Amino acid sequence: MQDKFKKHPHILKYEDESLNNVLIGMTTREDGLSDYPKNAFNMARYIDDDSQNITTHQEQLASVINYSRDQWVFPIQTHENNVVEVTQADRGSNIDALTQTLHSIDGIYSYDSNLLLTMCYADCVPIYFYSEMHHYIGLAHAGWRGTVGQIVCEMLKQINFNYDDLQVVIGPATSMSYEINDDIKSKFETLPIDHTQYIETVAEDRHRIDLKKANALLLEQQGVPHDNIYITEYATSEDLSLFFSYRVEKGNTGRMLAFIGQ
């Protein structure tokens, strides 16, 4: 089966025949101005990069997706499980420069039009939520801490319509090559899902974990229909020609921008 994320200049765009008015995608690392390494399309202002590079990349992305920069909203992510609603009043937050606005937020959602929700990633799981029927979009950032913190469940708590009307897209993130130790594994074992479905022990104090699968299982456990959840096969840690990988590149790398708009 072909992946629903299709490659376009600077982005992977989620394409589904049922999608009419919602844009879902993620930038790639190709053809940029940043040195992470050379010619990388870094989208994060919070790493050591020339600020003008990020602004130029934002402008290039805006022209590709037809959402001007003043329509974007960007929270300051801190690997927690805090979720807030954003509106037209939040347009432009943290786009030109980072501020204290929307600080410590790893999940955002909106019922407003002409708004693009954005967050940065480099192995953590981007999770897109939408319901065209209810004019709803959402975006969550789930690394291992956000997954243990059940940020997807915090997102679901804010939804006031039937989950049968909700679609969830789990985007490019690290693969089963991502390893955790016994201590972190014990945290996952407290979750209300079967850890044997997404954790594989490979050696003493070494376990491989599929964070995309873990979040899908949490969504299903909360009542989101299995058929309403799509998981891409793209893996950030497996393709450094397309993606930044914090783990593989030992932190010396840029960030992709995930986005959803309506």
Protein backbone atom coordinates (compact mmCIF):
# COMPACT_ATOMS: atom_id res chain seq x y z
CA MET A 1 0.00 0.00 0.00
CA GLN A 2 1.34 3.43 -0.92
CA ASP A 3 2.01 5.86 1.89
CA LYS A 4 -0.47 8.73 2.04
CA PHE A 5 2.33 11.22 2.71
CA LYS A 6 3.43 12.34 -0.76
CA LYS A 7 6.63 14.21 -1.54
CA HIS A 8 6.45 17.77 -2.86
CA PRO A 9 9.08 20.56 -2.88
CA HIS A 10 10.16 21.10 0.77
CA ILE A 11 7.30 19.01 2.21
CA LEU A 12 5.59 15.67 2.62
CA LYS A 13 1.87 16.30 2.19
CA TYR A 14 -0.80 13.96 3.52
CA GLU A 15 -3.18 13.14 0.69
CA ASP A 16 -6.46 11.32 1.20
CA GLU A 17 -9.50 11.31 -1.08
CA SER A 18 -11.79 12.16 1.85
CA LEU A 19 -9.81 15.33 2.67
CA ASN A 20 -11.35 18.52 1.29
CA ASN A 21 -10.53 21.60 3.35
CA VAL A 22 -7.74 20.51 5.69
CA LEU A 23 -4.01 20.72 4.88
CA ILE A 24 -1.67 18.28 6.63
CA GLY A 25 2.06 18.01 6.10
CA MET A 26 5.63 18.15 7.32
CA THR A 27 8.73 19.83 5.96
CA THR A 28 11.74 17.81 4.85
CA ARG A 29 15.40 18.68 5.45
CA GLU A 30 16.24 19.19 1.76
CA ASP A 31 17.29 22.32 -0.16
CA GLY A 32 17.68 24.80 2.68
CA LEU A 33 20.15 27.41 3.90
CA SER A 34 21.19 25.92 7.26
CA ASP A 35 24.35 23.97 8.11
CA TYR A 36 22.72 20.89 9.69
CA PRO A 37 24.53 19.67 7.59
CA LYS A 38 24.94 21.88 4.54
CA ASN A 39 21.79 23.01 2.69
CA ALA A 40 19.37 21.86 5.41
CA PHE A 41 15.82 23.23 5.65
CA ASN A 42 15.81 23.88 9.39
CA MET A 43 12.55 25.33 10.78
CA ALA A 44 13.48 25.84 14.48
CA ARG A 45 14.53 29.19 15.94
CA TYR A 46 15.55 27.60 19.24
CA ILE A 47 18.72 25.94 17.92
CA ASP A 48 22.04 27.48 16.85
CA ASP A 49 21.13 28.77 13.40
CA ASP A 50 20.95 32.16 11.71
CA SER A 51 17.49 33.55 12.42
CA GLN A 52 17.22 34.83 8.86
CA ASN A 53 17.58 31.26 7.58
CA ILE A 54 14.43 30.25 9.46
CA THR A 55 12.54 33.31 8.25
CA THR A 56 13.51 32.54 4.65
CA HIS A 57 12.49 28.91 5.07
CA GLN A 58 9.16 30.03 6.54
CA GLU A 59 8.59 32.29 3.56
CA GLN A 60 9.40 29.49 1.14
CA LEU A 61 7.04 27.13 2.95
CA ALA A 62 4.29 29.76 3.02
CA SER A 63 4.45 30.06 -0.76
CA VAL A 64 4.26 26.26 -1.17
CA ILE A 65 1.25 25.72 1.12
CA ASN A 66 -0.57 29.04 0.58
CA TYR A 67 -0.70 29.95 4.27
CA SER A 68 1.01 33.26 4.98
CA ARG A 69 3.30 33.40 8.01
CA ASP A 70 0.87 35.65 9.89
CA GLN A 71 -1.66 32.79 9.87
CA TRP A 72 0.70 30.40 11.68
CA VAL A 73 0.67 29.51 15.39
CA PHE A 74 3.72 27.94 17.07
CA PRO A 75 3.81 26.90 20.75
CA ILE A 76 6.98 26.48 22.81
CA GLN A 77 7.23 22.71 23.31
CA THR A 78 8.71 21.23 26.48
CA HIS A 79 7.90 17.48 26.20
CA GLU A 80 4.93 17.72 28.56
CA ASN A 81 1.22 17.02 28.07
CA ASN A 82 -0.31 20.49 28.27
CA VAL A 83 -3.00 21.20 25.67
CA VAL A 84 -4.68 24.52 24.79
CA GLU A 85 -7.16 25.85 22.29
CA VAL A 86 -5.83 28.50 19.91
CA THR A 87 -7.83 31.02 17.90
CA GLN A 88 -7.38 33.84 15.43
CA ALA A 89 -6.07 35.91 18.34
CA ASP A 90 -3.00 33.63 18.48
CA ARG A 91 -2.01 34.12 14.84
CA GLY A 92 1.69 34.85 14.44
CA SER A 93 2.67 33.52 17.88
CA ASN A 94 6.41 32.71 17.99
CA ILE A 95 6.80 32.95 14.22
CA ASP A 96 9.06 36.02 13.86
CA ALA A 97 10.71 35.48 17.24
CA LEU A 98 10.27 33.21 20.26
CA THR A 99 8.32 34.66 23.19
CA GLN A 100 6.70 33.42 26.41
CA THR A 101 3.38 33.06 24.57
CA LEU A 102 2.05 29.47 24.49
CA HIS A 103 5.00 28.28 26.58
CA SER A 104 5.15 24.64 27.79
CA ILE A 105 2.47 23.58 25.33
CA ASP A 106 2.75 20.33 23.37
CA GLY A 107 -0.81 20.09 22.10
CA ILE A 108 -2.95 22.72 20.34
CA TYR A 109 -6.33 22.64 18.65
CA SER A 110 -8.73 25.07 16.99
CA TYR A 111 -12.17 25.44 15.44
CA ASP A 112 -11.14 28.61 13.56
CA SER A 113 -10.56 28.95 9.82
CA ASN A 114 -7.49 30.42 8.11
CA LEU A 115 -5.20 29.15 10.86
CA LEU A 116 -2.12 26.93 10.54
CA LEU A 117 -1.07 24.96 13.63
CA THR A 118 2.68 24.22 13.64
CA MET A 119 5.29 22.45 15.79
CA CYS A 120 8.88 21.30 15.33
CA TYR A 121 10.09 17.68 15.32
CA ALA A 122 13.22 15.57 14.85
CA ASP A 123 12.19 12.03 15.96
CA CYS A 124 9.21 12.74 18.24
CA VAL A 125 5.79 11.82 16.88
CA PRO A 126 3.63 14.44 15.15
CA ILE A 127 -0.02 13.55 15.67
CA TYR A 128 -2.60 15.39 13.58
CA PHE A 129 -6.29 15.47 14.54
CA TYR A 130 -9.12 16.68 12.34
CA SER A 131 -12.84 16.58 11.73
CA GLU A 132 -14.07 18.47 8.71
CA MET A 133 -17.65 17.89 9.87
CA HIS A 134 -16.96 19.76 13.10
CA HIS A 135 -14.44 22.24 11.67
CA TYR A 136 -11.78 21.00 14.09
CA ILE A 137 -8.01 20.60 13.76
CA GLY A 138 -5.38 19.67 16.33
CA LEU A 139 -1.66 18.88 16.56
CA ALA A 140 0.28 17.09 19.29
CA HIS A 141 3.99 16.50 19.95
CA ALA A 142 4.68 13.07 21.48
CA GLY A 143 8.19 11.98 22.35
CA TRP A 144 8.60 9.25 24.93
CA ARG A 145 7.70 11.68 27.73
CA GLY A 146 4.62 12.96 25.93
CA THR A 147 3.55 9.42 25.15
CA VAL A 148 3.96 8.31 28.77
CA GLY A 149 2.07 11.49 29.72
CA GLN A 150 -0.72 10.39 27.35
CA ILE A 151 -0.86 13.69 25.51
CA VAL A 152 -3.18 12.12 22.94
CA CYS A 153 -5.66 11.45 25.75
CA GLU A 154 -5.36 15.07 26.88
CA MET A 155 -6.15 16.11 23.29
CA LEU A 156 -9.20 13.84 23.24
CA LYS A 157 -10.50 15.29 26.52
CA GLN A 158 -10.96 18.63 24.78
CA ILE A 159 -13.11 17.22 21.97
CA ASN A 160 -16.86 17.79 22.31
CA PHE A 161 -18.05 15.56 19.47
CA ASN A 162 -18.22 11.82 18.83
CA TYR A 163 -14.88 10.17 18.15
CA ASP A 164 -16.47 8.41 15.17
CA ASP A 165 -16.24 11.83 13.48
CA LEU A 166 -12.54 12.24 14.32
CA GLN A 167 -9.63 11.35 12.04
CA VAL A 168 -6.08 11.02 13.36
CA VAL A 169 -2.89 10.96 11.30
CA ILE A 170 0.36 9.80 12.90
CA GLY A 171 3.24 11.32 10.97
CA PRO A 172 6.96 10.67 10.39
CA ALA A 173 8.86 9.82 13.58
CA THR A 174 11.59 7.53 14.81
CA SER A 175 11.28 3.79 14.15
CA MET A 176 11.72 0.67 16.29
CA SER A 177 15.45 1.44 16.22
CA TYR A 178 14.70 3.87 19.08
CA GLU A 179 15.95 2.24 22.29
CA ILE A 180 14.96 2.79 25.92
CA ASN A 181 16.28 1.35 29.20
CA ASP A 182 14.53 -0.59 31.95
CA ASP A 183 13.61 2.56 33.87
CA ILE A 184 11.79 4.14 30.93
CA LYS A 185 10.23 0.80 29.97
CA SER A 186 8.73 0.57 33.47
CA LYS A 187 7.00 3.92 32.90
CA PHE A 188 5.38 2.63 29.71
CA GLU A 189 4.20 -0.47 31.54
CA THR A 190 1.92 1.76 33.65
CA LEU A 191 -0.08 2.79 30.58
CA PRO A 192 -3.51 1.20 29.98
CA ILE A 193 -2.30 -0.58 26.80
CA ASP A 194 -0.40 -3.80 26.10
CA HIS A 195 3.28 -2.83 26.07
CA THR A 196 4.23 -6.08 24.29
CA GLN A 197 2.58 -4.72 21.15
CA TYR A 198 5.07 -1.86 20.82
CA ILE A 199 8.14 -2.72 22.95
CA GLU A 200 10.69 -5.40 22.02
CA THR A 201 13.49 -6.41 24.41
CA VAL A 202 16.79 -6.87 22.56
CA ALA A 203 19.29 -7.17 25.43
CA GLU A 204 19.71 -6.53 29.13
CA ASP A 205 18.42 -3.01 29.88
CA ARG A 206 17.81 -2.44 26.16
CA HIS A 207 14.37 -2.28 24.57
CA ARG A 208 13.21 -1.06 21.20
CA ILE A 209 10.00 0.97 21.19
CA ASP A 210 7.53 2.00 18.50
CA LEU A 211 6.17 5.35 19.68
CA LYS A 212 3.84 5.67 16.70
CA LYS A 213 2.18 2.36 17.60
CA ALA A 214 2.00 3.26 21.30
CA ASN A 215 0.09 6.46 20.54
CA ALA A 216 -2.24 4.63 18.15
CA LEU A 217 -3.02 2.09 20.88
CA LEU A 218 -3.73 4.89 23.38
CA LEU A 219 -6.12 6.52 20.92
CA GLU A 220 -7.95 3.24 20.35
CA GLN A 221 -8.09 2.55 24.08
CA GLN A 222 -9.90 5.88 24.48
CA GLY A 223 -12.46 4.97 21.82
CA VAL A 224 -11.10 6.33 18.54
CA PRO A 225 -12.01 3.75 15.86
CA HIS A 226 -9.05 1.78 14.51
CA ASP A 227 -10.01 2.66 10.94
CA ASN A 228 -9.91 6.38 11.80
CA ILE A 229 -6.19 6.27 12.63
CA TYR A 230 -3.57 6.42 9.90
CA ILE A 231 0.12 5.68 10.61
CA THR A 232 2.74 6.65 8.04
CA GLU A 233 5.59 4.28 7.28
CA TYR A 234 8.06 7.16 7.04
CA ALA A 235 10.67 6.99 9.82
CA THR A 236 12.90 9.95 10.65
CA SER A 237 15.74 7.79 11.99
CA GLU A 238 15.82 5.65 8.84
CA ASP A 239 16.16 8.34 6.15
CA LEU A 240 18.56 11.20 6.84
CA SER A 241 18.22 12.39 3.26
CA LEU A 242 14.64 13.47 4.04
CA PHE A 243 14.53 13.98 7.80
CA PHE A 244 16.45 15.32 10.77
CA SER A 245 16.97 12.74 13.53
CA TYR A 246 17.91 14.02 16.98
CA ARG A 247 18.86 10.54 18.15
CA VAL A 248 20.93 9.44 15.14
CA GLU A 249 22.65 12.83 14.75
CA LYS A 250 23.24 13.14 18.51
CA GLY A 251 21.40 16.44 18.81
CA ASN A 252 23.50 18.26 16.19
CA THR A 253 20.69 18.69 13.71
CA GLY A 254 17.79 20.85 12.61
CA ARG A 255 14.05 20.39 12.98
CA MET A 256 11.17 19.71 10.62
CA LEU A 257 7.92 21.63 10.93
CA ALA A 258 4.66 19.69 11.10
CA PHE A 259 1.55 21.68 10.17
CA ILE A 260 -2.20 21.37 9.89
CA GLY A 261 -4.53 24.09 8.69
CA GLN A 262 -8.10 24.76 7.63
